[in-house]
Amino acid sequence: MYNLQLPTRRRFLSDAGLGFGSLALASMLHQQSAADLLTAKSAVVDPLAPRTPDYAPKTKAIIWLFMTGGPSQVDTWDYKPELQKRDGQELAGADAKTGFFSTSGKCLKSPFKWEQHGQSGTWTPEIFPQLSQHVDKMTFLHSMHLRQNNHAPASIELMCGTNRPGLPALGAWQTYGLGSANQDLPSYVVLHETRPRGDDQIWSAGFLPKTYQALALDARRNEAIDNLSRDAKHSDAQQRAQLDLIRQLNQEHAVGRPAQADLAARINSFELAYRMQMAAPEAIDLTKESAATHKAYGLDLPHCATFARQCLIARRLVERGVRFVQIFAGKGVGGDGSVNDVPWDAHSDIDVNHRSCGLHTDQPAAALLADLEAQGLLETTMVIWGGEFGRTSDSQGSKGRDHNPNGFTIWMAGGGVKGGYHHGATDEFGYKAVHNKVHVNDLHATLLRLLGLEHTTLTHRFNGRDFRLTDVAGEVITDIIA
């Protein structure tokens, strides 16, 4: 027989109170956990959501035609009659250390015929017969200069504001500041045939969250996008359920890690890839374009078909809300007839090299300008043409030119800049920028202003310091803004 001792009423109420309290606490903790998860979900703001600019923007998108290798300013857009007259004579002030190798110190005239075009009377060489018809749309920056005299560091400086690897490029800053105008496509796309020297450091997101990294498409693979297609074994519903589970797990993981910005980028990358499965193939499908458009760009011409395809893809991308497209010009021909992976790098024969590069790029670039104008896009789309530096006015060997970071030309068309306008100048031989000099920080400050962004306040804190694209420099070139 068991002696069952019942608790007193006081003990029962005390124990029961503790039990009910524990249940209440558990319930409250569960509710708090659910609230934390809800807060985390709301806190994981889409980093590509459109943002309000600081100013009314004149430019909505940029297409940068990067002439890899450094085109010679005095053989492209900076006509120098004095250089033509003094061919073979000593170049006053020539410095053999200007370039990467060494030069003769003697003037080398341009081998090309030059003519004036448009109402602006802009001088252009014979290698640009079609671009010459668009000079009244262009602003020419004749006084560009930077610090680096070799391809990789100069390319990084041109796009990132300084030559230190690991910093964000202009396209990443633009996306960071403005978000995306199309949630189904990346806001920043790079097209290349051969990877330029400097590689993806030129278009890196650096220390910015990886959401702002460029999508790089390789022409050798017909601009295929890796891992885009859904696994044939999975239905769309199965893939959606899988992504929902991944998103939930990532959001729960983010609750206790609010400072890790890349978590939001990771969550967003899965969703963007899912949405891109339909949008991206359609955007780069050139069969949607007419035969007349293909012919205008030169898709049927072997010498420019790759660049033509990239230029047409660029127009289709900005038409769909992509904010920044950068095309790195592909292979050129060296002075000895060999294929050159750095196309405009004319060390041995400026005539052979630049004729080849002009043939490769002239028609597609001109067609791009005409097409954007016909589509009503040029007014808000900035097209930029230029390389990472220029070339020396004195010769390297007998017919080539070495690298020259001290003075070169970049032109811009559309997107709120003046047409047929020439800003700055090099000396009478085209050797150095001497008037209204423009550093890359000034160029970036101006482009950001045209996009509606204030370059001095577009910052990102990294390792305890606020960084910006223009560092502690940069002046907006107000004279070129229409």
Protein backbone atom coordinates (compact mmCIF):
# COMPACT_ATOMS: atom_id res chain seq x y z
CA MET A 1 0.00 0.00 0.00
CA TYR A 2 1.41 3.29 -1.12
CA ASN A 3 1.42 6.35 1.06
CA LEU A 4 0.52 9.07 -1.41
CA GLN A 5 1.24 12.49 0.02
CA LEU A 6 -0.63 15.22 -1.74
CA PRO A 7 0.98 18.66 -1.86
CA THR A 8 -0.44 21.44 0.17
CA ARG A 9 -2.56 24.03 -1.60
CA ARG A 10 0.22 26.61 -1.17
CA ARG A 11 2.84 24.26 -2.70
CA PHE A 12 0.52 23.34 -5.59
CA LEU A 13 -0.14 26.97 -6.46
CA SER A 14 3.58 27.79 -6.22
CA ASP A 15 4.63 24.90 -8.49
CA ALA A 16 1.82 25.51 -10.91
CA GLY A 17 2.73 29.19 -11.09
CA LEU A 18 6.27 28.32 -12.01
CA GLY A 19 5.02 25.91 -14.65
CA PHE A 20 2.65 28.41 -16.17
CA GLY A 21 5.44 30.97 -16.08
CA SER A 22 7.74 28.59 -17.91
CA LEU A 23 5.06 27.96 -20.53
CA ALA A 24 4.49 31.68 -20.88
CA LEU A 25 8.24 32.29 -21.17
CA ALA A 26 8.55 29.56 -23.80
CA SER A 27 5.64 31.06 -25.70
CA MET A 28 7.15 34.52 -25.48
CA LEU A 29 10.54 33.25 -26.65
CA HIS A 30 8.90 31.47 -29.57
CA GLN A 31 7.04 34.63 -30.48
CA GLN A 32 10.25 36.64 -30.13
CA SER A 33 12.08 34.13 -32.36
CA ALA A 34 9.34 34.42 -34.96
CA ALA A 35 9.46 38.20 -34.64
CA ASP A 36 13.25 38.13 -35.03
CA LEU A 37 12.90 36.05 -38.18
CA LEU A 38 10.25 38.42 -39.50
CA THR A 39 12.52 41.36 -38.68
CA ALA A 40 15.41 39.62 -40.40
CA LYS A 41 13.30 39.03 -43.49
CA SER A 42 12.32 42.67 -43.62
CA ALA A 43 15.90 43.73 -42.84
CA VAL A 44 17.27 41.79 -45.81
CA VAL A 45 16.42 44.62 -48.16
CA ASP A 46 16.99 43.94 -51.82
CA PRO A 47 20.38 45.60 -52.42
CA LEU A 48 19.47 46.12 -56.08
CA ALA A 49 16.23 47.98 -55.37
CA PRO A 50 16.15 51.30 -57.32
CA ARG A 51 17.36 54.27 -55.30
CA THR A 52 16.55 57.95 -55.56
CA PRO A 53 19.49 59.91 -57.08
CA ASP A 54 20.87 63.10 -55.58
CA TYR A 55 20.17 65.13 -58.72
CA ALA A 56 17.92 64.82 -61.73
CA PRO A 57 19.94 62.44 -63.92
CA LYS A 58 20.83 63.20 -67.53
CA THR A 59 22.32 59.73 -68.03
CA LYS A 60 20.47 56.51 -67.25
CA ALA A 61 22.97 54.04 -68.70
CA ILE A 62 26.61 53.91 -69.80
CA ILE A 63 28.11 51.84 -72.61
CA TRP A 64 31.91 52.00 -72.40
CA LEU A 65 33.76 50.89 -75.53
CA PHE A 66 37.14 50.11 -73.98
CA MET A 67 39.84 50.19 -76.66
CA THR A 68 42.23 47.77 -74.97
CA GLY A 69 45.91 48.52 -75.49
CA GLY A 70 45.94 52.30 -75.69
CA PRO A 71 45.04 53.91 -79.03
CA SER A 72 47.32 56.70 -80.19
CA GLN A 73 45.64 60.06 -79.71
CA VAL A 74 47.63 61.61 -82.56
CA ASP A 75 46.46 58.85 -84.93
CA THR A 76 42.80 58.82 -83.90
CA TRP A 77 41.09 62.00 -82.61
CA ASP A 78 43.83 64.56 -81.81
CA TYR A 79 45.10 65.95 -85.12
CA LYS A 80 48.50 67.66 -84.86
CA PRO A 81 49.67 69.43 -88.05
CA GLU A 82 52.97 70.37 -86.39
CA LEU A 83 53.76 66.72 -85.81
CA GLN A 84 53.14 66.06 -89.50
CA LYS A 85 55.55 68.85 -90.45
CA ARG A 86 58.33 67.80 -88.05
CA ASP A 87 58.46 64.09 -88.91
CA GLY A 88 61.92 62.72 -88.08
CA GLN A 89 63.02 65.84 -86.20
CA GLU A 90 63.89 65.99 -82.52
CA LEU A 91 60.88 66.18 -80.22
CA ALA A 92 61.52 68.91 -77.67
CA GLY A 93 60.98 67.65 -74.12
CA ALA A 94 60.83 63.98 -75.12
CA ASP A 95 61.43 61.64 -72.17
CA ALA A 96 62.50 58.09 -72.89
CA LYS A 97 60.95 57.02 -69.57
CA THR A 98 57.45 58.18 -70.52
CA GLY A 99 56.50 54.79 -71.92
CA PHE A 100 57.09 51.27 -70.78
CA PHE A 101 60.13 50.68 -73.00
CA SER A 102 62.11 53.50 -74.65
CA THR A 103 61.66 55.84 -77.59
CA SER A 104 63.81 57.59 -80.15
CA GLY A 105 63.08 61.19 -79.19
CA LYS A 106 62.23 61.92 -82.83
CA CYS A 107 58.79 62.95 -84.10
CA LEU A 108 56.71 60.32 -85.87
CA LYS A 109 53.93 61.72 -88.02
CA SER A 110 50.58 60.02 -88.39
CA PRO A 111 50.54 57.75 -91.46
CA PHE A 112 46.84 58.41 -92.06
CA LYS A 113 44.97 60.93 -94.18
CA TRP A 114 42.90 63.37 -92.12
CA GLU A 115 39.75 65.31 -93.04
CA GLN A 116 37.31 67.58 -91.28
CA HIS A 117 33.76 66.37 -90.65
CA GLY A 118 30.45 67.68 -89.37
CA GLN A 119 29.39 71.19 -88.50
CA SER A 120 32.01 71.11 -85.74
CA GLY A 121 34.76 70.66 -88.35
CA THR A 122 36.32 67.88 -86.30
CA TRP A 123 39.46 66.34 -87.81
CA THR A 124 39.37 62.55 -88.11
CA PRO A 125 41.67 59.97 -89.74
CA GLU A 126 40.74 57.69 -92.60
CA ILE A 127 40.53 54.64 -90.30
CA PHE A 128 37.15 55.87 -88.97
CA PRO A 129 35.05 56.48 -92.10
CA GLN A 130 31.76 55.72 -90.30
CA LEU A 131 32.42 57.14 -86.84
CA SER A 132 33.49 60.34 -88.59
CA GLN A 133 29.84 60.84 -89.55
CA HIS A 134 28.88 61.13 -85.87
CA VAL A 135 31.42 63.68 -84.57
CA ASP A 136 28.70 66.26 -83.95
CA LYS A 137 27.28 63.93 -81.29
CA MET A 138 30.61 63.67 -79.44
CA THR A 139 32.40 65.53 -76.66
CA PHE A 140 36.15 65.02 -76.97
CA LEU A 141 38.31 65.08 -73.83
CA HIS A 142 41.74 65.76 -75.36
CA SER A 143 43.56 66.33 -72.07
CA MET A 144 43.07 63.01 -70.29
CA HIS A 145 46.01 61.85 -68.17
CA LEU A 146 46.79 59.36 -65.42
CA ARG A 147 49.78 58.03 -63.48
CA GLN A 148 50.36 54.48 -64.71
CA ASN A 149 52.24 53.63 -67.91
CA ASN A 150 51.48 49.93 -68.31
CA HIS A 151 48.27 48.21 -69.35
CA ALA A 152 47.00 46.48 -66.19
CA PRO A 153 47.67 49.24 -63.63
CA ALA A 154 46.50 51.96 -66.04
CA SER A 155 43.28 50.08 -66.82
CA ILE A 156 42.61 49.64 -63.10
CA GLU A 157 43.32 53.33 -62.47
CA LEU A 158 41.02 54.37 -65.31
CA MET A 159 38.10 52.32 -64.02
CA CYS A 160 38.70 52.35 -60.24
CA GLY A 161 40.18 55.83 -59.72
CA THR A 162 43.54 54.52 -58.54
CA ASN A 163 45.72 51.58 -59.53
CA ARG A 164 45.47 49.61 -56.28
CA PRO A 165 43.87 46.19 -56.92
CA GLY A 166 40.83 45.35 -54.85
CA LEU A 167 38.94 48.63 -55.27
CA PRO A 168 35.47 48.87 -56.82
CA ALA A 169 35.16 49.92 -60.46
CA LEU A 170 32.87 52.64 -61.80
CA GLY A 171 30.15 50.19 -62.86
CA ALA A 172 30.01 48.69 -59.35
CA TRP A 173 29.80 52.15 -57.75
CA GLN A 174 27.03 53.13 -60.15
CA THR A 175 25.00 50.03 -59.22
CA TYR A 176 25.71 50.60 -55.52
CA GLY A 177 24.44 54.17 -55.77
CA LEU A 178 21.40 53.63 -57.98
CA GLY A 179 20.37 49.98 -57.70
CA SER A 180 18.95 48.14 -60.69
CA ALA A 181 16.32 49.32 -63.16
CA ASN A 182 15.45 45.72 -64.10
CA GLN A 183 15.21 43.15 -61.32
CA ASP A 184 15.47 40.29 -63.85
CA LEU A 185 18.89 41.25 -65.23
CA PRO A 186 22.25 42.26 -63.72
CA SER A 187 22.78 46.00 -63.60
CA TYR A 188 26.46 45.71 -64.63
CA VAL A 189 27.63 43.59 -67.58
CA VAL A 190 31.08 43.16 -69.14
CA LEU A 191 31.66 41.74 -72.63
CA HIS A 192 35.10 40.64 -73.76
CA GLU A 193 36.74 38.51 -76.43
CA THR A 194 40.08 38.07 -74.69
CA ARG A 195 40.58 38.90 -71.03
CA PRO A 196 42.42 42.24 -70.90
CA ARG A 197 45.59 42.69 -68.89
CA GLY A 198 44.38 43.50 -65.42
CA ASP A 199 41.69 40.86 -65.84
CA ASP A 200 38.61 41.16 -63.64
CA GLN A 201 40.32 43.70 -61.35
CA ILE A 202 39.27 46.22 -64.01
CA TRP A 203 35.57 45.51 -63.41
CA SER A 204 35.73 44.31 -59.80
CA ALA A 205 33.23 45.18 -57.08
CA GLY A 206 36.21 45.27 -54.69
CA PHE A 207 35.13 45.66 -51.08
CA LEU A 208 31.53 46.46 -52.03
CA PRO A 209 29.03 43.62 -51.46
CA LYS A 210 29.25 41.09 -54.29
CA THR A 211 25.73 41.99 -55.39
CA TYR A 212 27.37 44.84 -57.29
CA GLN A 213 29.84 42.62 -59.16
CA ALA A 214 29.68 42.59 -62.96
CA LEU A 215 28.41 39.67 -64.99
CA ALA A 216 31.27 38.96 -67.43
CA LEU A 217 30.42 37.33 -70.77
CA ASP A 218 33.12 35.75 -72.95
CA ALA A 219 32.69 36.11 -76.71
CA ARG A 220 34.70 32.93 -77.28
CA ARG A 221 31.81 31.09 -75.64
CA ASN A 222 29.21 33.09 -77.56
CA GLU A 223 28.37 35.07 -74.44
CA ALA A 224 27.05 31.98 -72.66
CA ILE A 225 26.08 32.46 -69.01
CA ASP A 226 27.44 29.71 -66.76
CA ASN A 227 25.00 27.60 -64.70
CA LEU A 228 21.97 29.60 -65.83
CA SER A 229 19.74 26.82 -67.11
CA ARG A 230 17.67 24.78 -64.67
CA ASP A 231 18.65 21.17 -64.13
CA ALA A 232 16.49 19.08 -66.47
CA LYS A 233 15.67 16.72 -63.58
CA HIS A 234 13.85 19.48 -61.69
CA SER A 235 10.57 21.15 -62.53
CA ASP A 236 10.07 24.87 -62.07
CA ALA A 237 7.97 24.18 -58.96
CA GLN A 238 10.73 22.01 -57.48
CA GLN A 239 13.36 24.65 -58.16
CA ARG A 240 11.13 27.35 -56.63
CA ALA A 241 10.62 25.22 -53.49
CA GLN A 242 14.37 24.63 -53.24
CA LEU A 243 15.11 28.34 -53.53
CA ASP A 244 12.46 29.17 -50.93
CA LEU A 245 14.10 26.75 -48.48
CA ILE A 246 17.57 28.18 -49.20
CA ARG A 247 16.23 31.70 -48.71
CA GLN A 248 14.62 30.76 -45.37
CA LEU A 249 17.83 29.16 -44.10
CA ASN A 250 19.91 32.13 -45.20
CA GLN A 251 17.53 34.58 -43.55
CA GLU A 252 17.59 32.62 -40.29
CA HIS A 253 21.38 32.60 -40.53
CA ALA A 254 21.35 36.37 -41.01
CA VAL A 255 19.39 37.04 -37.78
CA GLY A 256 22.50 36.95 -35.60
CA ARG A 257 24.82 38.40 -38.21
CA PRO A 258 23.40 41.81 -39.17
CA ALA A 259 26.84 43.21 -40.04
CA GLN A 260 27.57 40.68 -42.79
CA ALA A 261 26.41 42.52 -45.90
CA ASP A 262 27.38 39.64 -48.20
CA LEU A 263 24.58 37.51 -46.71
CA ALA A 264 22.00 39.76 -48.37
CA ALA A 265 24.05 39.59 -51.56
CA ARG A 266 24.04 35.79 -51.40
CA ILE A 267 20.29 35.65 -50.92
CA ASN A 268 19.75 38.08 -53.77
CA SER A 269 22.10 36.19 -56.11
CA PHE A 270 19.97 33.03 -55.96
CA GLU A 271 16.82 34.99 -56.74
CA LEU A 272 18.44 37.00 -59.54
CA ALA A 273 19.80 33.84 -61.18
CA TYR A 274 16.29 32.33 -61.06
CA ARG A 275 14.74 35.39 -62.69
CA MET A 276 17.53 35.58 -65.27
CA GLN A 277 16.66 32.13 -66.64
CA MET A 278 14.00 33.73 -68.79
CA ALA A 279 15.18 37.33 -69.14
CA ALA A 280 18.88 36.88 -69.96
CA PRO A 281 18.64 34.49 -72.94
CA GLU A 282 16.01 36.74 -74.52
CA ALA A 283 18.13 39.86 -73.97
CA ILE A 284 21.16 38.47 -75.82
CA ASP A 285 19.19 36.64 -78.54
CA LEU A 286 20.13 38.55 -81.67
CA THR A 287 17.80 36.51 -83.88
CA LYS A 288 15.13 38.92 -82.67
CA GLU A 289 16.84 41.70 -84.64
CA SER A 290 16.17 42.41 -88.32
CA ALA A 291 18.53 41.50 -91.14
CA ALA A 292 18.99 45.23 -91.78
CA THR A 293 20.18 45.74 -88.18
CA HIS A 294 22.61 42.82 -88.47
CA LYS A 295 24.01 44.33 -91.66
CA ALA A 296 24.30 47.82 -90.19
CA TYR A 297 26.38 46.58 -87.25
CA GLY A 298 28.50 44.30 -89.47
CA LEU A 299 27.54 40.92 -88.03
CA ASP A 300 28.08 39.43 -91.47
CA LEU A 301 31.66 40.75 -91.75
CA PRO A 302 34.41 38.48 -90.36
CA HIS A 303 36.73 41.36 -89.43
CA CYS A 304 34.21 42.97 -87.06
CA ALA A 305 31.53 40.35 -86.36
CA THR A 306 32.50 39.80 -82.69
CA PHE A 307 32.61 43.48 -81.77
CA ALA A 308 29.42 44.03 -83.79
CA ARG A 309 27.60 41.34 -81.81
CA GLN A 310 28.78 42.84 -78.52
CA CYS A 311 27.66 46.35 -79.50
CA LEU A 312 24.22 45.08 -80.49
CA ILE A 313 23.92 43.11 -77.25
CA ALA A 314 24.85 46.29 -75.38
CA ARG A 315 22.00 48.19 -77.01
CA ARG A 316 19.56 45.39 -76.15
CA LEU A 317 20.77 45.34 -72.53
CA VAL A 318 20.40 49.09 -71.89
CA GLU A 319 17.04 48.94 -73.65
CA ARG A 320 16.01 46.49 -70.89
CA GLY A 321 17.30 48.55 -67.99
CA VAL A 322 20.92 47.42 -67.58
CA ARG A 323 22.77 50.48 -66.28
CA PHE A 324 26.40 49.80 -67.22
CA VAL A 325 27.79 47.75 -70.13
CA GLN A 326 31.51 47.63 -70.82
CA ILE A 327 32.93 46.12 -74.00
CA PHE A 328 36.62 45.31 -74.19
CA ALA A 329 37.71 45.45 -77.84
CA GLY A 330 39.10 42.13 -79.04
CA LYS A 331 42.08 40.96 -81.00
CA GLY A 332 44.06 43.21 -83.33
CA VAL A 333 46.93 42.69 -85.75
CA GLY A 334 50.53 43.52 -84.90
CA GLY A 335 53.04 45.21 -87.18
CA ASP A 336 54.39 41.83 -88.30
CA GLY A 337 50.91 40.53 -89.13
CA SER A 338 50.61 38.49 -85.94
CA VAL A 339 47.40 38.43 -83.91
CA ASN A 340 47.70 40.73 -80.90
CA ASP A 341 45.65 40.07 -77.75
CA VAL A 342 46.10 43.74 -76.78
CA PRO A 343 44.67 45.20 -79.97
CA TRP A 344 45.68 48.89 -79.96
CA ASP A 345 49.18 48.21 -78.57
CA ALA A 346 51.13 49.58 -81.55
CA HIS A 347 54.79 49.20 -80.52
CA SER A 348 56.12 48.17 -83.91
CA ASP A 349 53.92 49.61 -86.68
CA ILE A 350 51.23 52.19 -86.02
CA ASP A 351 49.93 52.02 -89.60
CA VAL A 352 49.27 48.26 -89.73
CA ASN A 353 48.02 48.03 -86.14
CA HIS A 354 45.63 50.98 -86.10
CA ARG A 355 44.21 50.22 -89.54
CA SER A 356 43.35 46.75 -88.27
CA CYS A 357 41.82 48.07 -85.06
CA GLY A 358 39.85 50.72 -86.92
CA LEU A 359 38.46 48.08 -89.27
CA HIS A 360 37.50 45.96 -86.27
CA THR A 361 35.65 48.68 -84.34
CA ASP A 362 34.54 51.52 -86.65
CA GLN A 363 31.36 50.15 -88.19
CA PRO A 364 29.90 48.51 -85.04
CA ALA A 365 30.56 51.60 -82.89
CA ALA A 366 29.01 53.91 -85.49
CA ALA A 367 26.01 51.60 -85.85
CA LEU A 368 25.56 51.62 -82.08
CA LEU A 369 25.36 55.42 -82.01
CA ALA A 370 22.91 55.48 -84.92
CA ASP A 371 20.79 52.70 -83.46
CA LEU A 372 20.59 54.29 -79.99
CA GLU A 373 19.54 57.56 -81.61
CA ALA A 374 16.90 55.82 -83.75
CA GLN A 375 15.53 54.01 -80.68
CA GLY A 376 15.32 57.26 -78.72
CA LEU A 377 17.92 56.01 -76.25
CA LEU A 378 20.97 58.15 -77.02
CA GLU A 379 19.67 61.14 -75.11
CA THR A 380 19.87 59.17 -71.85
CA THR A 381 22.59 56.64 -72.76
CA MET A 382 26.24 57.65 -72.54
CA VAL A 383 28.61 55.99 -75.02
CA ILE A 384 32.30 56.32 -74.14
CA TRP A 385 35.21 55.43 -76.44
CA GLY A 386 38.82 55.24 -75.26
CA GLY A 387 41.71 53.19 -73.97
CA GLU A 388 43.78 53.08 -70.79
CA PHE A 389 46.30 55.65 -72.07
CA GLY A 390 47.67 57.12 -75.31
CA ARG A 391 50.90 56.72 -77.28
CA THR A 392 54.09 58.73 -77.57
CA SER A 393 54.50 61.36 -80.28
CA ASP A 394 58.07 60.18 -80.86
CA SER A 395 58.78 56.80 -82.35
CA GLN A 396 59.56 53.46 -80.82
CA GLY A 397 61.75 51.74 -83.37
CA SER A 398 61.03 53.23 -86.75
CA LYS A 399 57.24 53.02 -87.07
CA GLY A 400 55.77 52.26 -83.63
CA ARG A 401 54.78 54.24 -80.54
CA ASP A 402 55.27 53.47 -76.84
CA HIS A 403 52.75 53.92 -74.00
CA ASN A 404 51.92 57.49 -72.96
CA PRO A 405 49.83 58.25 -69.84
CA ASN A 406 50.50 62.01 -69.99
CA GLY A 407 48.00 62.97 -72.66
CA PHE A 408 45.29 61.09 -74.54
CA THR A 409 41.75 61.44 -75.87
CA ILE A 410 38.47 59.91 -74.79
CA TRP A 411 35.19 60.81 -76.45
CA MET A 412 31.68 60.66 -75.02
CA ALA A 413 28.37 60.82 -76.88
CA GLY A 414 24.78 61.13 -75.68
CA GLY A 415 23.72 61.00 -72.06
CA GLY A 416 23.64 64.75 -71.48
CA VAL A 417 26.97 65.94 -72.91
CA LYS A 418 27.47 68.54 -75.61
CA GLY A 419 27.82 67.44 -79.22
CA GLY A 420 30.73 68.46 -81.43
CA TYR A 421 32.56 69.86 -78.40
CA HIS A 422 36.31 69.72 -77.73
CA HIS A 423 37.56 70.07 -74.16
CA GLY A 424 41.18 70.49 -73.13
CA ALA A 425 44.26 70.14 -75.29
CA THR A 426 47.66 68.52 -75.57
CA ASP A 427 50.73 70.44 -76.73
CA GLU A 428 51.34 71.06 -80.45
CA PHE A 429 52.84 67.57 -80.84
CA GLY A 430 50.15 65.75 -78.82
CA TYR A 431 52.73 64.62 -76.27
CA LYS A 432 51.34 65.99 -73.00
CA ALA A 433 48.06 67.42 -71.73
CA VAL A 434 48.59 71.14 -71.17
CA HIS A 435 45.18 72.86 -71.10
CA ASN A 436 42.12 72.03 -68.94
CA LYS A 437 43.76 68.78 -67.85
CA VAL A 438 41.36 65.96 -66.96
CA HIS A 439 42.35 63.22 -64.54
CA VAL A 440 40.30 60.04 -64.23
CA ASN A 441 38.95 61.35 -60.88
CA ASP A 442 37.49 64.32 -62.77
CA LEU A 443 36.00 62.02 -65.40
CA HIS A 444 34.40 59.85 -62.71
CA ALA A 445 33.04 62.86 -60.80
CA THR A 446 31.45 64.09 -64.03
CA LEU A 447 29.94 60.74 -64.96
CA LEU A 448 28.48 60.31 -61.48
CA ARG A 449 26.96 63.81 -61.67
CA LEU A 450 25.38 62.98 -65.03
CA LEU A 451 23.95 59.83 -63.43
CA GLY A 452 22.49 61.97 -60.66
CA LEU A 453 25.01 61.04 -57.97
CA GLU A 454 27.17 63.33 -55.83
CA HIS A 455 30.67 61.89 -55.96
CA THR A 456 31.74 63.34 -52.60
CA THR A 457 28.94 61.58 -50.70
CA LEU A 458 28.81 58.26 -52.57
CA THR A 459 30.84 56.39 -49.97
CA HIS A 460 31.21 52.93 -48.46
CA ARG A 461 32.79 52.20 -45.08
CA PHE A 462 35.46 49.50 -45.21
CA ASN A 463 38.01 48.65 -42.51
CA GLY A 464 37.06 51.73 -40.53
CA ARG A 465 37.39 54.20 -43.38
CA ASP A 466 34.92 55.78 -45.79
CA PHE A 467 35.97 55.13 -49.40
CA ARG A 468 34.69 56.76 -52.56
CA LEU A 469 35.39 56.30 -56.28
CA THR A 470 37.10 59.69 -56.57
CA ASP A 471 39.04 59.28 -53.29
CA VAL A 472 39.82 62.84 -52.10
CA ALA A 473 39.98 64.41 -55.57
CA GLY A 474 37.76 64.93 -58.61
CA GLU A 475 36.08 68.01 -60.08
CA VAL A 476 32.94 67.90 -62.21
CA ILE A 477 33.71 69.10 -65.77
CA THR A 478 30.70 71.36 -66.04
CA ASP A 479 31.76 72.75 -69.45
CA ILE A 480 30.90 69.51 -71.25
CA ILE A 481 27.41 69.09 -69.78
CA ALA A 482 24.64 70.09 -72.18
